[in-house]
Amino acid sequence: MSSRPLPPEGEKLLAVDPSQFVAARDLLVRKLRSEDRQDEADAVAGLRKPSIVVFAVNRAACDRPKAARAAADAACKVKDAQVGNQPEAFKQGIEELDSALEMLAEVDVAHVAPRGKVPSDTMRRRVRDLLRAAVADEDAREALARGALASELEVIGFSSYAGMAAAPPREQKERAEPSRAAQNDAKRQDRERTLRKDLVDAQERLKETEIAVRDAERKRKAAERAVTSAQAKLDRIDSVAEDHV
């Protein structure tokens, strides 16, 4: 994604179905350039097609803007309560956050599988991972609230919010280094997430290629029919000409 800020029209593209994204992006780029908004056009032109998971999360945020804003606000409340050592506020914030994320997740999963199909467990996990990673990061949190996430994020960071009691006074904290086994497990999980994302991306590219091949085959057949028709018409003209000789 370009480092230039996106115009509002550009952010809306991130909630467009991936199969329609490129055409919609190129159309918007032409529109912006025709309006002499060159910098914004360049920013939009630099957008890459979002994965199906990013699209689903953005679409859900657009469909349920109150839930998206509630998730962002609850995440801020959790962070403030943890830093301020406020157990009750922390507990309430976690409950509000979980409720908002669950509502978004249920809408998300409806967009990550073909109509009439049940989303896989992998896709469900990726959706929830992205939601939790987004609310853990300040910039991504606001992008989520607008339905404008540009890419999937690492889950690292959200664990500082969920499943913990409020932070004890600083002098009582004891920081334990993760064991080698835990570090290896974390690396394995990171590698697995990367490979699963690569697999989904490859499957999407394969699907797009298959569609292009079918389209090319239809065009080839149509061209053959046109050639046959033109040849038949030419033969009839030649036949008539011969009859008049």
C-alpha atoms as a PDB file:
ATOM      1  CA  MET A   1       0.000   0.000   0.000  1.00  0.00           C
ATOM      2  CA  SER A   2       1.176   3.543  -0.785  1.00  0.00           C
ATOM      3  CA  SER A   3       2.498   5.704   2.056  1.00  0.00           C
ATOM      4  CA  ARG A   4       0.300   8.559   0.841  1.00  0.00           C
ATOM      5  CA  PRO A   5      -2.995   8.978   2.727  1.00  0.00           C
ATOM      6  CA  LEU A   6      -5.993   7.529   0.947  1.00  0.00           C
ATOM      7  CA  PRO A   7      -9.004   9.658   0.075  1.00  0.00           C
ATOM      8  CA  PRO A   8     -12.349   8.460   1.535  1.00  0.00           C
ATOM      9  CA  GLU A   9     -13.245   6.905  -1.827  1.00  0.00           C
ATOM     10  CA  GLY A  10     -10.024   4.913  -1.706  1.00  0.00           C
ATOM     11  CA  GLU A  11     -10.691   3.555   1.774  1.00  0.00           C
ATOM     12  CA  LYS A  12     -14.089   2.299   0.595  1.00  0.00           C
ATOM     13  CA  LEU A  13     -12.303   0.113  -1.971  1.00  0.00           C
ATOM     14  CA  LEU A  14     -10.900  -1.999   0.871  1.00  0.00           C
ATOM     15  CA  ALA A  15     -14.411  -3.325   1.545  1.00  0.00           C
ATOM     16  CA  VAL A  16     -15.022  -4.213  -2.116  1.00  0.00           C
ATOM     17  CA  ASP A  17     -15.195  -7.894  -3.053  1.00  0.00           C
ATOM     18  CA  PRO A  18     -11.677  -9.016  -4.115  1.00  0.00           C
ATOM     19  CA  SER A  19     -13.040 -10.272  -7.441  1.00  0.00           C
ATOM     20  CA  GLN A  20     -14.183  -6.720  -8.261  1.00  0.00           C
ATOM     21  CA  PHE A  21     -11.357  -4.822  -6.593  1.00  0.00           C
ATOM     22  CA  VAL A  22      -8.973  -4.250  -9.503  1.00  0.00           C
ATOM     23  CA  ALA A  23     -11.683  -2.934 -11.831  1.00  0.00           C
ATOM     24  CA  ALA A  24     -13.094  -0.670  -9.096  1.00  0.00           C
ATOM     25  CA  ARG A  25      -9.625   0.624  -8.190  1.00  0.00           C
ATOM     26  CA  ASP A  26      -8.684   1.408 -11.784  1.00  0.00           C
ATOM     27  CA  LEU A  27     -12.000   3.167 -12.344  1.00  0.00           C
ATOM     28  CA  LEU A  28     -11.455   5.341  -9.270  1.00  0.00           C
ATOM     29  CA  VAL A  29      -7.883   6.160 -10.332  1.00  0.00           C
ATOM     30  CA  ARG A  30      -9.167   7.422 -13.697  1.00  0.00           C
ATOM     31  CA  LYS A  31     -11.866   9.469 -11.974  1.00  0.00           C
ATOM     32  CA  LEU A  32      -9.420  11.101  -9.571  1.00  0.00           C
ATOM     33  CA  ARG A  33      -7.001  11.938 -12.370  1.00  0.00           C
ATOM     34  CA  SER A  34      -9.801  13.463 -14.428  1.00  0.00           C
ATOM     35  CA  GLU A  35     -10.500  15.702 -11.403  1.00  0.00           C
ATOM     36  CA  ASP A  36      -6.808  16.693 -11.233  1.00  0.00           C
ATOM     37  CA  ARG A  37      -6.350  14.904  -7.871  1.00  0.00           C
ATOM     38  CA  GLN A  38      -3.051  13.362  -8.897  1.00  0.00           C
ATOM     39  CA  ASP A  39      -1.617  12.622  -5.425  1.00  0.00           C
ATOM     40  CA  GLU A  40      -4.799  10.854  -4.355  1.00  0.00           C
ATOM     41  CA  ALA A  41      -4.924   8.962  -7.648  1.00  0.00           C
ATOM     42  CA  ASP A  42      -1.342   7.774  -7.097  1.00  0.00           C
ATOM     43  CA  ALA A  43      -2.208   6.645  -3.555  1.00  0.00           C
ATOM     44  CA  VAL A  44      -5.190   4.650  -4.815  1.00  0.00           C
ATOM     45  CA  ALA A  45      -3.179   3.181  -7.690  1.00  0.00           C
ATOM     46  CA  GLY A  46      -0.729   1.789  -5.118  1.00  0.00           C
ATOM     47  CA  LEU A  47      -3.424  -0.219  -3.344  1.00  0.00           C
ATOM     48  CA  ARG A  48      -3.060  -3.982  -3.536  1.00  0.00           C
ATOM     49  CA  LYS A  49      -6.059  -6.270  -3.620  1.00  0.00           C
ATOM     50  CA  PRO A  50      -6.940  -7.229  -0.020  1.00  0.00           C
ATOM     51  CA  SER A  51      -7.102 -10.869   0.979  1.00  0.00           C
ATOM     52  CA  ILE A  52     -10.528 -12.411   1.478  1.00  0.00           C
ATOM     53  CA  VAL A  53     -10.034 -12.142   5.252  1.00  0.00           C
ATOM     54  CA  VAL A  54      -9.182  -8.415   5.137  1.00  0.00           C
ATOM     55  CA  PHE A  55     -12.144  -7.842   2.828  1.00  0.00           C
ATOM     56  CA  ALA A  56     -14.460  -9.733   5.198  1.00  0.00           C
ATOM     57  CA  VAL A  57     -13.320  -7.764   8.256  1.00  0.00           C
ATOM     58  CA  ASN A  58     -13.655  -4.429   6.443  1.00  0.00           C
ATOM     59  CA  ARG A  59     -17.058  -5.341   5.057  1.00  0.00           C
ATOM     60  CA  ALA A  60     -18.253  -6.364   8.513  1.00  0.00           C
ATOM     61  CA  ALA A  61     -17.024  -3.058   9.956  1.00  0.00           C
ATOM     62  CA  CYS A  62     -18.939  -1.197   7.246  1.00  0.00           C
ATOM     63  CA  ASP A  63     -22.043  -3.310   7.801  1.00  0.00           C
ATOM     64  CA  ARG A  64     -21.828  -2.952  11.601  1.00  0.00           C
ATOM     65  CA  PRO A  65     -20.153   0.434  12.206  1.00  0.00           C
ATOM     66  CA  LYS A  66     -21.409   0.666  15.796  1.00  0.00           C
ATOM     67  CA  ALA A  67     -19.829  -2.695  16.652  1.00  0.00           C
ATOM     68  CA  ALA A  68     -16.555  -1.675  14.973  1.00  0.00           C
ATOM     69  CA  ARG A  69     -16.432   1.596  16.917  1.00  0.00           C
ATOM     70  CA  ALA A  70     -17.427  -0.215  20.131  1.00  0.00           C
ATOM     71  CA  ALA A  71     -14.534  -2.668  19.660  1.00  0.00           C
ATOM     72  CA  ALA A  72     -12.043   0.167  19.153  1.00  0.00           C
ATOM     73  CA  ASP A  73     -13.354   2.091  22.180  1.00  0.00           C
ATOM     74  CA  ALA A  74     -13.411  -1.019  24.388  1.00  0.00           C
ATOM     75  CA  ALA A  75      -9.805  -1.829  23.443  1.00  0.00           C
ATOM     76  CA  CYS A  76      -8.770   1.659  24.571  1.00  0.00           C
ATOM     77  CA  LYS A  77     -10.677   1.165  27.819  1.00  0.00           C
ATOM     78  CA  VAL A  78      -8.922  -2.168  28.439  1.00  0.00           C
ATOM     79  CA  LYS A  79      -5.512  -0.627  27.827  1.00  0.00           C
ATOM     80  CA  ASP A  80      -6.174   2.331  30.119  1.00  0.00           C
ATOM     81  CA  ALA A  81      -7.546   0.070  32.860  1.00  0.00           C
ATOM     82  CA  GLN A  82      -4.549  -2.259  32.667  1.00  0.00           C
ATOM     83  CA  VAL A  83      -2.040   0.585  32.807  1.00  0.00           C
ATOM     84  CA  GLY A  84      -3.990   2.269  35.626  1.00  0.00           C
ATOM     85  CA  ASN A  85      -4.353  -0.960  37.632  1.00  0.00           C
ATOM     86  CA  GLN A  86      -8.170  -0.835  37.642  1.00  0.00           C
ATOM     87  CA  PRO A  87      -9.401  -4.451  37.818  1.00  0.00           C
ATOM     88  CA  GLU A  88     -13.129  -3.704  37.573  1.00  0.00           C
ATOM     89  CA  ALA A  89     -12.743  -1.353  34.625  1.00  0.00           C
ATOM     90  CA  PHE A  90     -10.410  -3.884  33.004  1.00  0.00           C
ATOM     91  CA  LYS A  91     -12.970  -6.673  33.402  1.00  0.00           C
ATOM     92  CA  GLN A  92     -15.781  -4.536  32.016  1.00  0.00           C
ATOM     93  CA  GLY A  93     -13.642  -3.456  29.072  1.00  0.00           C
ATOM     94  CA  ILE A  94     -12.754  -7.048  28.217  1.00  0.00           C
ATOM     95  CA  GLU A  95     -16.439  -8.031  28.268  1.00  0.00           C
ATOM     96  CA  GLU A  96     -17.369  -5.127  26.012  1.00  0.00           C
ATOM     97  CA  LEU A  97     -14.480  -5.887  23.693  1.00  0.00           C
ATOM     98  CA  ASP A  98     -15.301  -9.588  23.424  1.00  0.00           C
ATOM     99  CA  SER A  99     -18.959  -8.782  22.717  1.00  0.00           C
ATOM    100  CA  ALA A 100     -18.124  -6.312  19.937  1.00  0.00           C
ATOM    101  CA  LEU A 101     -15.526  -8.606  18.362  1.00  0.00           C
ATOM    102  CA  GLU A 102     -17.889 -11.572  18.439  1.00  0.00           C
ATOM    103  CA  MET A 103     -20.557  -9.559  16.630  1.00  0.00           C
ATOM    104  CA  LEU A 104     -18.054  -8.519  13.967  1.00  0.00           C
ATOM    105  CA  ALA A 105     -16.679 -12.052  13.643  1.00  0.00           C
ATOM    106  CA  GLU A 106     -20.125 -13.496  12.980  1.00  0.00           C
ATOM    107  CA  VAL A 107     -20.651 -11.008  10.161  1.00  0.00           C
ATOM    108  CA  ASP A 108     -17.093 -11.565   8.879  1.00  0.00           C
ATOM    109  CA  VAL A 109     -17.379 -15.303   8.408  1.00  0.00           C
ATOM    110  CA  ALA A 110     -20.389 -14.848   6.159  1.00  0.00           C
ATOM    111  CA  HIS A 111     -18.042 -13.199   3.638  1.00  0.00           C
ATOM    112  CA  VAL A 112     -15.117 -15.675   3.682  1.00  0.00           C
ATOM    113  CA  ALA A 113     -16.882 -18.628   2.053  1.00  0.00           C
ATOM    114  CA  PRO A 114     -18.885 -18.960  -1.166  1.00  0.00           C
ATOM    115  CA  ARG A 115     -22.628 -18.499  -0.793  1.00  0.00           C
ATOM    116  CA  GLY A 116     -24.182 -21.581   0.743  1.00  0.00           C
ATOM    117  CA  LYS A 117     -20.827 -22.916   1.995  1.00  0.00           C
ATOM    118  CA  VAL A 118     -19.639 -23.181   5.595  1.00  0.00           C
ATOM    119  CA  PRO A 119     -16.395 -21.278   6.350  1.00  0.00           C
ATOM    120  CA  SER A 120     -13.469 -23.501   7.298  1.00  0.00           C
ATOM    121  CA  ASP A 121     -12.014 -23.457  10.797  1.00  0.00           C
ATOM    122  CA  THR A 122      -8.847 -21.937   9.335  1.00  0.00           C
ATOM    123  CA  MET A 123     -10.735 -19.013   7.847  1.00  0.00           C
ATOM    124  CA  ARG A 124     -12.665 -18.482  11.078  1.00  0.00           C
ATOM    125  CA  ARG A 125      -9.401 -18.400  13.020  1.00  0.00           C
ATOM    126  CA  ARG A 126      -7.797 -15.967  10.592  1.00  0.00           C
ATOM    127  CA  VAL A 127     -10.792 -13.639  10.909  1.00  0.00           C
ATOM    128  CA  ARG A 128     -10.620 -13.660  14.698  1.00  0.00           C
ATOM    129  CA  ASP A 129      -6.836 -13.295  14.670  1.00  0.00           C
ATOM    130  CA  LEU A 130      -7.086 -10.214  12.461  1.00  0.00           C
ATOM    131  CA  LEU A 131      -9.794  -8.646  14.610  1.00  0.00           C
ATOM    132  CA  ARG A 132      -7.774  -9.122  17.796  1.00  0.00           C
ATOM    133  CA  ALA A 133      -4.555  -7.931  16.167  1.00  0.00           C
ATOM    134  CA  ALA A 134      -6.305  -4.835  14.812  1.00  0.00           C
ATOM    135  CA  VAL A 135      -7.721  -3.680  18.144  1.00  0.00           C
ATOM    136  CA  ALA A 136      -4.281  -4.116  19.757  1.00  0.00           C
ATOM    137  CA  ASP A 137      -2.650  -1.553  17.463  1.00  0.00           C
ATOM    138  CA  GLU A 138      -3.617   2.122  17.667  1.00  0.00           C
ATOM    139  CA  ASP A 139      -3.494   2.867  13.933  1.00  0.00           C
ATOM    140  CA  ALA A 140      -5.077  -0.434  12.930  1.00  0.00           C
ATOM    141  CA  ARG A 141      -7.785   0.054  15.569  1.00  0.00           C
ATOM    142  CA  GLU A 142      -8.915   3.283  13.913  1.00  0.00           C
ATOM    143  CA  ALA A 143      -8.662   1.703  10.453  1.00  0.00           C
ATOM    144  CA  LEU A 144     -10.890  -1.136  11.672  1.00  0.00           C
ATOM    145  CA  ALA A 145     -13.453   1.365  12.941  1.00  0.00           C
ATOM    146  CA  ARG A 146     -13.566   2.874   9.429  1.00  0.00           C
ATOM    147  CA  GLY A 147     -13.567  -0.514   7.646  1.00  0.00           C
ATOM    148  CA  ALA A 148     -10.243   0.384   6.042  1.00  0.00           C
ATOM    149  CA  LEU A 149      -7.660  -2.237   7.031  1.00  0.00           C
ATOM    150  CA  ALA A 150      -5.192  -2.760   4.193  1.00  0.00           C
ATOM    151  CA  SER A 151      -3.597  -6.079   5.180  1.00  0.00           C
ATOM    152  CA  GLU A 152      -3.561  -8.891   7.707  1.00  0.00           C
ATOM    153  CA  LEU A 153      -1.632  -8.250  10.924  1.00  0.00           C
ATOM    154  CA  GLU A 154       0.334 -10.378  13.341  1.00  0.00           C
ATOM    155  CA  VAL A 155      -1.626 -11.369  16.439  1.00  0.00           C
ATOM    156  CA  ILE A 156       1.322 -10.440  18.650  1.00  0.00           C
ATOM    157  CA  GLY A 157       0.309  -7.718  21.082  1.00  0.00           C
ATOM    158  CA  PHE A 158      -3.283  -8.530  21.879  1.00  0.00           C
ATOM    159  CA  SER A 159      -2.278 -10.973  24.607  1.00  0.00           C
ATOM    160  CA  SER A 160      -1.364  -7.927  26.676  1.00  0.00           C
ATOM    161  CA  TYR A 161      -5.107  -7.201  26.869  1.00  0.00           C
ATOM    162  CA  ALA A 162      -6.988 -10.482  26.940  1.00  0.00           C
ATOM    163  CA  GLY A 163      -6.958 -13.163  29.587  1.00  0.00           C
ATOM    164  CA  MET A 164      -4.996 -11.146  32.167  1.00  0.00           C
ATOM    165  CA  ALA A 165      -5.780  -9.462  35.411  1.00  0.00           C
ATOM    166  CA  ALA A 166      -5.114  -5.754  35.599  1.00  0.00           C
ATOM    167  CA  ALA A 167      -1.443  -4.884  35.906  1.00  0.00           C
ATOM    168  CA  PRO A 168      -0.050  -5.037  39.463  1.00  0.00           C
ATOM    169  CA  PRO A 169       1.981  -2.118  40.840  1.00  0.00           C
ATOM    170  CA  ARG A 170       5.285  -1.802  39.025  1.00  0.00           C
ATOM    171  CA  GLU A 171       7.408  -2.791  42.017  1.00  0.00           C
ATOM    172  CA  GLN A 172       5.508  -6.116  42.275  1.00  0.00           C
ATOM    173  CA  LYS A 173       5.924  -7.105  38.646  1.00  0.00           C
ATOM    174  CA  GLU A 174       8.050 -10.076  37.816  1.00  0.00           C
ATOM    175  CA  ARG A 175       8.931 -10.487  34.202  1.00  0.00           C
ATOM    176  CA  ALA A 176       9.674 -14.058  33.167  1.00  0.00           C
ATOM    177  CA  GLU A 177      11.538 -14.815  29.993  1.00  0.00           C
ATOM    178  CA  PRO A 178       9.683 -17.247  27.722  1.00  0.00           C
ATOM    179  CA  SER A 179      11.152 -20.731  27.653  1.00  0.00           C
ATOM    180  CA  ARG A 180      12.953 -22.016  24.567  1.00  0.00           C
ATOM    181  CA  ALA A 181      10.035 -24.364  23.923  1.00  0.00           C
ATOM    182  CA  ALA A 182       7.604 -21.427  24.039  1.00  0.00           C
ATOM    183  CA  GLN A 183       9.800 -19.447  21.674  1.00  0.00           C
ATOM    184  CA  ASN A 184       9.992 -22.365  19.243  1.00  0.00           C
ATOM    185  CA  ASP A 185       6.237 -22.838  19.454  1.00  0.00           C
ATOM    186  CA  ALA A 186       5.664 -19.141  18.737  1.00  0.00           C
ATOM    187  CA  LYS A 187       7.967 -19.347  15.705  1.00  0.00           C
ATOM    188  CA  ARG A 188       6.131 -22.437  14.487  1.00  0.00           C
ATOM    189  CA  GLN A 189       2.775 -20.683  14.830  1.00  0.00           C
ATOM    190  CA  ASP A 190       4.083 -17.645  12.960  1.00  0.00           C
ATOM    191  CA  ARG A 191       5.384 -19.901  10.185  1.00  0.00           C
ATOM    192  CA  GLU A 192       2.074 -21.765  10.044  1.00  0.00           C
ATOM    193  CA  ARG A 193       0.129 -18.509   9.748  1.00  0.00           C
ATOM    194  CA  THR A 194       2.399 -17.348   6.940  1.00  0.00           C
ATOM    195  CA  LEU A 195       2.063 -20.635   5.052  1.00  0.00           C
ATOM    196  CA  ARG A 196      -1.707 -20.690   5.475  1.00  0.00           C
ATOM    197  CA  LYS A 197      -1.925 -17.147   4.136  1.00  0.00           C
ATOM    198  CA  ASP A 198       0.309 -18.113   1.190  1.00  0.00           C
ATOM    199  CA  LEU A 199      -1.947 -21.101   0.517  1.00  0.00           C
ATOM    200  CA  VAL A 200      -5.094 -18.982   0.495  1.00  0.00           C
ATOM    201  CA  ASP A 201      -3.441 -16.401  -1.759  1.00  0.00           C
ATOM    202  CA  ALA A 202      -2.320 -19.145  -4.158  1.00  0.00           C
ATOM    203  CA  GLN A 203      -5.826 -20.624  -4.195  1.00  0.00           C
ATOM    204  CA  GLU A 204      -7.263 -17.215  -5.007  1.00  0.00           C
ATOM    205  CA  ARG A 205      -4.776 -16.737  -7.859  1.00  0.00           C
ATOM    206  CA  LEU A 206      -5.626 -20.216  -9.187  1.00  0.00           C
ATOM    207  CA  LYS A 207      -9.324 -19.395  -9.115  1.00  0.00           C
ATOM    208  CA  GLU A 208      -8.727 -16.139 -10.983  1.00  0.00           C
ATOM    209  CA  THR A 209      -6.589 -17.940 -13.562  1.00  0.00           C
ATOM    210  CA  GLU A 210      -9.236 -20.619 -14.092  1.00  0.00           C
ATOM    211  CA  ILE A 211     -11.855 -17.930 -14.642  1.00  0.00           C
ATOM    212  CA  ALA A 212      -9.562 -16.205 -17.158  1.00  0.00           C
ATOM    213  CA  VAL A 213      -8.964 -19.510 -18.981  1.00  0.00           C
ATOM    214  CA  ARG A 214     -12.707 -20.184 -19.217  1.00  0.00           C
ATOM    215  CA  ASP A 215     -13.275 -16.669 -20.487  1.00  0.00           C
ATOM    216  CA  ALA A 216     -10.536 -17.071 -23.094  1.00  0.00           C
ATOM    217  CA  GLU A 217     -12.074 -20.381 -24.218  1.00  0.00           C
ATOM    218  CA  ARG A 218     -15.472 -18.727 -24.647  1.00  0.00           C
ATOM    219  CA  LYS A 219     -13.879 -15.968 -26.703  1.00  0.00           C
ATOM    220  CA  ARG A 220     -12.013 -18.538 -28.823  1.00  0.00           C
ATOM    221  CA  LYS A 221     -15.232 -20.394 -29.582  1.00  0.00           C
ATOM    222  CA  ALA A 222     -17.010 -17.146 -30.403  1.00  0.00           C
ATOM    223  CA  ALA A 223     -14.176 -16.206 -32.756  1.00  0.00           C
ATOM    224  CA  GLU A 224     -14.369 -19.624 -34.448  1.00  0.00           C
ATOM    225  CA  ARG A 225     -18.115 -19.166 -34.965  1.00  0.00           C
ATOM    226  CA  ALA A 226     -17.476 -15.718 -36.432  1.00  0.00           C
ATOM    227  CA  VAL A 227     -14.874 -17.122 -38.819  1.00  0.00           C
ATOM    228  CA  THR A 228     -17.187 -19.942 -39.879  1.00  0.00           C
ATOM    229  CA  SER A 229     -20.061 -17.531 -40.440  1.00  0.00           C
ATOM    230  CA  ALA A 230     -17.941 -15.101 -42.423  1.00  0.00           C
ATOM    231  CA  GLN A 231     -16.534 -17.942 -44.545  1.00  0.00           C
ATOM    232  CA  ALA A 232     -20.038 -19.265 -45.261  1.00  0.00           C
ATOM    233  CA  LYS A 233     -21.217 -15.815 -46.345  1.00  0.00           C
ATOM    234  CA  LEU A 234     -18.178 -15.431 -48.574  1.00  0.00           C
ATOM    235  CA  ASP A 235     -18.795 -18.868 -50.117  1.00  0.00           C
ATOM    236  CA  ARG A 236     -22.413 -17.917 -50.881  1.00  0.00           C
ATOM    237  CA  ILE A 237     -21.274 -14.706 -52.546  1.00  0.00           C
ATOM    238  CA  ASP A 238     -18.741 -16.653 -54.664  1.00  0.00           C
ATOM    239  CA  SER A 239     -21.424 -19.166 -55.616  1.00  0.00           C
ATOM    240  CA  VAL A 240     -23.827 -16.444 -56.744  1.00  0.00           C
ATOM    241  CA  ALA A 241     -21.058 -14.785 -58.732  1.00  0.00           C
ATOM    242  CA  GLU A 242     -20.258 -18.054 -60.505  1.00  0.00           C
ATOM    243  CA  ASP A 243     -23.950 -18.571 -61.384  1.00  0.00           C
ATOM    244  CA  HIS A 244     -23.975 -15.235 -63.168  1.00  0.00           C
ATOM    245  CA  VAL A 245     -20.889 -15.948 -65.224  1.00  0.00           C
END
